[in-house]
Amino acid sequence: MSGDGLSGFPREWAHELVTVALREDLGPEGVDVTTLATIPADQTRTAEIVARAPGVVAGVPVIGLVLAAVAEQLGREVPTVEVVGDDGSRLERGDVIARLTGPTQVILVAERTILNILSRLSGVATHTRRWADALEGTSTMVLDTRKTTPGMRWLEKYAVRCGGGTNKRMGLYDVAMIKDNHKLAAGSVASAYALVRGRFPDVDVQVEVTTPAEAQEAYDAGARFIMCDNMSVDVLGETVALLRGAGEPVEIEATGGLTLEVVREYAGTGVDFVSVGGLTHSSPIVDIALDLTD
C-alpha cells in the first residue's frame, strides 16, 4: 500500500484541516507553552502511536502532514515516520500504528492534532467495517451520506472506504437527489425529475420514494436510481420486485432507520445499496494514544 494509504486519500483537504486544527490548538501566537518550557530544543526522542482499543485504522497519512507543519512552524527537522499499520488494517488493543523519531518538541506539539484526526477517522472506518461485515455474502453494499462533520467530508468519506464501505455523492454538485421537499415544491415526482433533467442533463439523478406507487412514478419519469425511504422489509421487497420487472436496469437503495440487527433482512430483498448516515454522524472514536519510548 502506498504512503498515502488507500487509493484516493484527500491530501489537499487533509492539509487544510491540519492547518485549521493547529491554529486552534496553538492559538494566535502559535505556542505550546508546556512543551516549549519543559523540552530542550535539541532533544530527540522516539514515540509510538498505539491503539488503546480494537478497530480499523484510517488517516495514517495525516501523521506526516501534521509533523511537517509543526516542524516548519518551529524551525525544526521533520521527524521520520515508520508506518506499522496501514489504512484499512484491523487493530487490536496495544497494536502500534506508527513510530516517530525526531525532535521531541515537534512530536509533542503535533500529538493532539494527530490523535484527534486519526481517532475520528478510525472510528468512522471501524463503524463502517461492522456494516460491511454484516453484509458479507450478500450483493448489497453500504453507502455513506452527506451527514458529515463540516470541513471533514472528504476525509470521513475516505475513512468509510477504509472500512469497506462505498461513497455516495460528495455534495450537492455531483449528483441530483430529489427528495420530499423537492417533489412538494415542483408539484410531483415527474415534474421534479423533468426539471432537474432539463437544467442539468449530464448529472446523475436519484429519486427518493416512500411507496411502490411512487417508485413506479419515478421509474416512468425516467429515474434509474431509486431510494426507498423508511420502508418495511415487506414493502421494500414489493418495490424491488416491481422495479426489477419494469424492463430497464435500476439501482435500488434502502435508506432510513436501518440497524445492524436487521440489515441482512433488507439486503435479502435484493437492494443494491443501504445508506447509513450514522457511519459519519454517529461513529465513536477509536482510542489512540502517543507514547514516548526512550
Protein backbone atom coordinates (compact mmCIF):
# COMPACT_ATOMS: atom_id res chain seq x y z
CA MET A 1 0.00 0.00 0.00
CA SER A 2 1.34 3.45 -0.86
CA GLY A 3 2.35 6.10 1.67
CA ASP A 4 -1.00 7.78 1.09
CA GLY A 5 -2.89 4.74 2.40
CA LEU A 6 -5.87 3.56 0.38
CA SER A 7 -6.39 4.95 -3.10
CA GLY A 8 -7.74 8.47 -3.16
CA PHE A 9 -6.51 9.91 0.14
CA PRO A 10 -7.74 13.54 0.01
CA ARG A 11 -4.39 15.15 0.68
CA GLU A 12 -5.41 18.71 -0.16
CA TRP A 13 -8.41 18.60 2.19
CA ALA A 14 -6.27 16.97 4.88
CA HIS A 15 -3.70 19.73 4.60
CA GLU A 16 -6.40 22.37 5.07
CA LEU A 17 -7.80 20.55 8.08
CA VAL A 18 -4.35 20.24 9.67
CA THR A 19 -3.75 23.97 9.22
CA VAL A 20 -7.01 24.86 10.96
CA ALA A 21 -6.56 22.28 13.72
CA LEU A 22 -3.08 23.50 14.59
CA ARG A 23 -4.19 27.12 14.55
CA GLU A 24 -6.98 26.44 17.06
CA ASP A 25 -4.68 24.34 19.27
CA LEU A 26 -1.68 26.71 19.30
CA GLY A 27 -3.58 29.99 19.37
CA PRO A 28 -2.73 33.31 17.72
CA GLU A 29 0.94 33.17 18.76
CA GLY A 30 1.45 29.56 17.65
CA VAL A 31 2.84 28.43 21.00
CA ASP A 32 2.64 25.25 23.09
CA VAL A 33 3.65 26.82 26.41
CA THR A 34 4.15 23.50 28.24
CA THR A 35 6.32 21.80 25.64
CA LEU A 36 8.48 24.82 24.91
CA ALA A 37 9.07 25.31 28.66
CA THR A 38 9.93 21.71 29.51
CA ILE A 39 11.58 20.18 26.44
CA PRO A 40 15.03 21.32 25.22
CA ALA A 41 15.01 22.38 21.56
CA ASP A 42 17.79 19.92 20.69
CA GLN A 43 16.22 16.85 22.34
CA THR A 44 15.38 13.92 20.04
CA ARG A 45 13.12 11.02 21.01
CA THR A 46 11.13 8.15 19.54
CA ALA A 47 7.40 7.82 20.08
CA GLU A 48 4.80 5.21 19.19
CA ILE A 49 1.22 5.85 18.15
CA VAL A 50 -0.69 2.99 19.77
CA ALA A 51 -4.26 1.70 19.66
CA ARG A 52 -5.88 1.62 23.08
CA ALA A 53 -8.91 -0.22 21.68
CA PRO A 54 -9.64 -2.55 18.74
CA GLY A 55 -10.80 -1.09 15.44
CA VAL A 56 -9.86 -0.27 11.86
CA VAL A 57 -7.23 2.38 11.23
CA ALA A 58 -7.82 5.33 8.88
CA GLY A 59 -5.95 8.58 8.37
CA VAL A 60 -2.32 7.46 8.74
CA PRO A 61 -1.09 9.91 6.04
CA VAL A 62 -2.23 12.74 8.32
CA ILE A 63 0.61 11.91 10.72
CA GLY A 64 3.27 13.10 8.30
CA LEU A 65 1.28 16.18 7.33
CA VAL A 66 0.94 17.33 10.93
CA LEU A 67 4.59 16.68 11.75
CA ALA A 68 5.76 18.59 8.68
CA ALA A 69 3.54 21.56 9.50
CA VAL A 70 4.71 21.70 13.11
CA ALA A 71 8.36 21.26 12.17
CA GLU A 72 8.12 24.17 9.74
CA GLN A 73 6.44 26.34 12.37
CA LEU A 74 9.10 25.58 14.99
CA GLY A 75 12.02 25.64 12.57
CA ARG A 76 12.97 22.07 13.46
CA GLU A 77 13.73 18.91 11.49
CA VAL A 78 10.71 16.84 10.41
CA PRO A 79 10.50 13.57 12.40
CA THR A 80 10.66 10.34 10.45
CA VAL A 81 7.55 8.16 10.34
CA GLU A 82 7.64 4.36 10.24
CA VAL A 83 4.14 3.17 9.37
CA VAL A 84 3.29 -0.15 11.01
CA GLY A 85 -0.49 -0.26 10.45
CA ASP A 86 -1.71 0.92 7.03
CA ASP A 87 -5.13 2.44 6.50
CA GLY A 88 -7.81 -0.21 6.33
CA SER A 89 -5.96 -2.66 8.58
CA ARG A 90 -7.61 -4.05 11.69
CA LEU A 91 -6.27 -3.05 15.08
CA GLU A 92 -6.15 -4.83 18.41
CA ARG A 93 -5.54 -3.10 21.70
CA GLY A 94 -1.82 -2.41 22.02
CA ASP A 95 -1.06 -2.51 18.30
CA VAL A 96 1.44 0.07 17.09
CA ILE A 97 0.19 2.18 14.19
CA ALA A 98 3.36 4.23 13.61
CA ARG A 99 6.75 5.09 15.14
CA LEU A 100 8.02 8.65 15.06
CA THR A 101 11.65 9.69 15.56
CA GLY A 102 12.82 13.28 15.71
CA PRO A 103 12.74 16.49 17.73
CA THR A 104 10.67 15.90 20.86
CA GLN A 105 9.17 19.37 20.69
CA VAL A 106 7.76 18.68 17.23
CA ILE A 107 6.32 15.31 18.26
CA LEU A 108 4.60 16.67 21.38
CA VAL A 109 3.22 19.81 19.74
CA ALA A 110 1.81 17.65 16.93
CA GLU A 111 0.47 14.96 19.28
CA ARG A 112 -3.11 16.07 19.92
CA THR A 113 -3.84 17.16 16.36
CA ILE A 114 -2.60 13.81 15.05
CA LEU A 115 -4.63 11.86 17.59
CA ASN A 116 -7.82 13.89 17.16
CA ILE A 117 -7.91 13.29 13.41
CA LEU A 118 -6.65 9.71 13.49
CA SER A 119 -9.08 8.70 16.26
CA ARG A 120 -12.03 10.27 14.48
CA LEU A 121 -11.30 8.74 11.08
CA SER A 122 -10.51 5.34 12.59
CA GLY A 123 -13.85 5.49 14.39
CA VAL A 124 -15.66 6.02 11.10
CA ALA A 125 -13.71 3.17 9.48
CA THR A 126 -14.41 0.87 12.42
CA HIS A 127 -18.15 1.58 12.40
CA THR A 128 -18.29 1.10 8.63
CA ARG A 129 -16.48 -2.23 8.92
CA ARG A 130 -19.26 -3.53 11.18
CA TRP A 131 -21.83 -2.80 8.46
CA ALA A 132 -19.64 -4.24 5.70
CA ASP A 133 -19.13 -7.40 7.77
CA ALA A 134 -22.87 -7.65 8.43
CA LEU A 135 -23.49 -7.55 4.65
CA GLU A 136 -20.74 -10.02 3.76
CA GLY A 137 -22.02 -12.71 1.42
CA THR A 138 -24.83 -10.55 0.05
CA SER A 139 -24.83 -8.41 -3.09
CA THR A 140 -25.68 -5.27 -1.10
CA MET A 141 -23.14 -2.53 -0.35
CA VAL A 142 -23.24 0.06 2.42
CA LEU A 143 -23.20 3.73 1.40
CA ASP A 144 -22.43 6.87 3.36
CA THR A 145 -24.38 10.16 3.17
CA ARG A 146 -23.76 13.92 3.37
CA LYS A 147 -24.24 13.87 7.16
CA THR A 148 -20.59 14.64 7.78
CA THR A 149 -18.55 16.93 10.02
CA PRO A 150 -18.13 20.34 8.31
CA GLY A 151 -14.66 20.56 6.82
CA MET A 152 -14.03 16.82 7.17
CA ARG A 153 -16.31 15.35 4.49
CA TRP A 154 -13.60 14.15 2.12
CA LEU A 155 -11.61 12.65 4.97
CA GLU A 156 -14.62 10.99 6.57
CA LYS A 157 -15.72 9.54 3.25
CA TYR A 158 -12.18 8.27 2.75
CA ALA A 159 -12.47 6.60 6.16
CA VAL A 160 -15.71 4.94 5.02
CA ARG A 161 -13.75 3.38 2.15
CA CYS A 162 -11.07 2.25 4.61
CA GLY A 163 -13.82 0.40 6.49
CA GLY A 164 -15.14 -1.39 3.41
CA GLY A 165 -17.99 0.99 2.59
CA THR A 166 -18.83 2.90 -0.59
CA ASN A 167 -19.17 6.63 -1.10
CA LYS A 168 -22.38 8.12 -2.38
CA ARG A 169 -22.41 11.65 -3.75
CA MET A 170 -19.78 14.02 -2.42
CA GLY A 171 -22.02 17.08 -2.35
CA LEU A 172 -24.89 18.97 -3.89
CA TYR A 173 -22.98 19.45 -7.12
CA ASP A 174 -22.15 15.99 -8.44
CA VAL A 175 -25.47 14.11 -8.17
CA ALA A 176 -29.05 15.39 -8.14
CA MET A 177 -31.10 13.85 -5.35
CA ILE A 178 -34.84 14.51 -5.48
CA LYS A 179 -36.37 14.25 -2.01
CA ASP A 180 -39.72 15.09 -0.44
CA ASN A 181 -39.23 18.86 -0.34
CA HIS A 182 -38.18 18.95 -3.98
CA LYS A 183 -41.20 16.88 -5.01
CA LEU A 184 -43.51 19.11 -2.99
CA ALA A 185 -42.04 22.31 -4.43
CA ALA A 186 -42.10 21.01 -8.00
CA GLY A 187 -45.59 19.51 -7.74
CA SER A 188 -44.77 15.85 -8.31
CA VAL A 189 -42.02 13.28 -8.76
CA ALA A 190 -42.32 13.50 -12.54
CA SER A 191 -42.17 17.31 -12.56
CA ALA A 192 -39.14 17.41 -10.29
CA TYR A 193 -37.32 14.82 -12.38
CA ALA A 194 -38.10 16.64 -15.63
CA LEU A 195 -36.91 19.97 -14.21
CA VAL A 196 -33.61 18.54 -13.00
CA ARG A 197 -33.00 16.65 -16.22
CA GLY A 198 -33.79 19.74 -18.28
CA ARG A 199 -31.46 22.04 -16.33
CA PHE A 200 -28.62 19.57 -15.75
CA PRO A 201 -28.85 16.91 -18.48
CA ASP A 202 -25.47 15.32 -17.74
CA VAL A 203 -25.86 14.92 -13.97
CA ASP A 204 -26.97 11.60 -12.46
CA VAL A 205 -30.41 11.82 -10.85
CA GLN A 206 -31.58 9.84 -7.84
CA VAL A 207 -35.16 9.90 -6.59
CA GLU A 208 -36.36 9.16 -3.07
CA VAL A 209 -39.69 7.34 -2.78
CA THR A 210 -41.79 6.04 0.09
CA THR A 211 -44.30 3.70 -1.63
CA PRO A 212 -44.30 1.21 -4.51
CA ALA A 213 -46.63 3.52 -6.44
CA GLU A 214 -44.21 6.42 -6.07
CA ALA A 215 -41.37 4.17 -7.17
CA GLN A 216 -43.32 3.31 -10.31
CA GLU A 217 -43.94 7.01 -10.95
CA ALA A 218 -40.22 7.74 -10.58
CA TYR A 219 -39.33 4.93 -12.94
CA ASP A 220 -41.88 6.08 -15.50
CA ALA A 221 -40.44 9.59 -15.30
CA GLY A 222 -37.02 8.22 -16.23
CA ALA A 223 -35.30 7.63 -12.89
CA ARG A 224 -32.92 4.67 -12.83
CA PHE A 225 -31.59 5.15 -9.30
CA ILE A 226 -34.38 4.92 -6.76
CA MET A 227 -34.03 5.35 -3.00
CA CYS A 228 -36.66 3.56 -0.93
CA ASP A 229 -37.05 5.53 2.26
CA ASN A 230 -38.28 4.11 5.58
CA MET A 231 -40.00 1.09 4.03
CA SER A 232 -40.69 -2.11 5.92
CA VAL A 233 -38.96 -5.22 4.64
CA ASP A 234 -42.21 -6.44 3.05
CA VAL A 235 -42.95 -3.15 1.29
CA LEU A 236 -39.35 -2.88 0.17
CA GLY A 237 -39.50 -6.40 -1.26
CA GLU A 238 -42.65 -5.49 -3.18
CA THR A 239 -40.98 -2.33 -4.51
CA VAL A 240 -37.83 -4.17 -5.57
CA ALA A 241 -39.87 -6.80 -7.42
CA LEU A 242 -41.84 -4.06 -9.17
CA LEU A 243 -38.73 -2.20 -10.31
CA ARG A 244 -36.81 -5.33 -11.33
CA GLY A 245 -39.70 -6.30 -13.55
CA ALA A 246 -40.07 -2.87 -15.12
CA GLY A 247 -37.80 -3.57 -18.06
CA GLU A 248 -34.64 -1.48 -17.75
CA PRO A 249 -31.92 -1.95 -15.12
CA VAL A 250 -32.49 0.07 -11.96
CA GLU A 251 -30.20 0.71 -8.99
CA ILE A 252 -32.15 0.47 -5.74
CA GLU A 253 -31.19 1.77 -2.33
CA ALA A 254 -32.81 1.24 1.04
CA THR A 255 -32.48 4.16 3.42
CA GLY A 256 -33.83 5.38 6.74
CA GLY A 257 -33.92 3.71 10.13
CA LEU A 258 -31.72 0.73 9.33
CA THR A 259 -29.81 -1.10 12.05
CA LEU A 260 -27.11 -3.75 12.08
CA GLU A 261 -29.61 -6.21 13.52
CA VAL A 262 -31.97 -6.03 10.52
CA VAL A 263 -29.71 -5.04 7.63
CA ARG A 264 -29.37 -8.59 6.26
CA GLU A 265 -33.16 -8.83 6.05
CA TYR A 266 -33.18 -5.69 3.95
CA ALA A 267 -30.30 -6.96 1.84
CA GLY A 268 -32.37 -10.10 1.24
CA THR A 269 -34.90 -8.05 -0.75
CA GLY A 270 -32.31 -7.62 -3.48
CA VAL A 271 -31.43 -3.94 -2.99
CA ASP A 272 -28.10 -2.83 -4.36
CA PHE A 273 -27.30 -0.45 -1.51
CA VAL A 274 -28.19 0.52 2.01
CA SER A 275 -27.29 4.05 3.07
CA VAL A 276 -26.36 4.81 6.66
CA GLY A 277 -25.92 8.38 7.85
CA GLY A 278 -24.59 7.08 11.16
CA LEU A 279 -21.33 5.99 9.52
CA THR A 280 -20.21 9.62 9.70
CA HIS A 281 -22.54 11.40 12.10
CA SER A 282 -22.57 8.89 14.97
CA SER A 283 -19.35 6.89 14.93
CA PRO A 284 -17.48 6.87 18.26
CA ILE A 285 -13.75 7.45 18.07
CA VAL A 286 -11.16 4.72 18.41
CA ASP A 287 -8.99 5.41 21.47
CA ILE A 288 -5.47 6.04 20.16
CA ALA A 289 -2.50 7.38 22.14
CA LEU A 290 1.06 8.59 21.61
CA ASP A 291 3.77 7.34 23.98
CA LEU A 292 7.43 8.36 24.13
CA THR A 293 9.51 5.16 24.20
CA ASP A 294 13.04 6.27 25.01
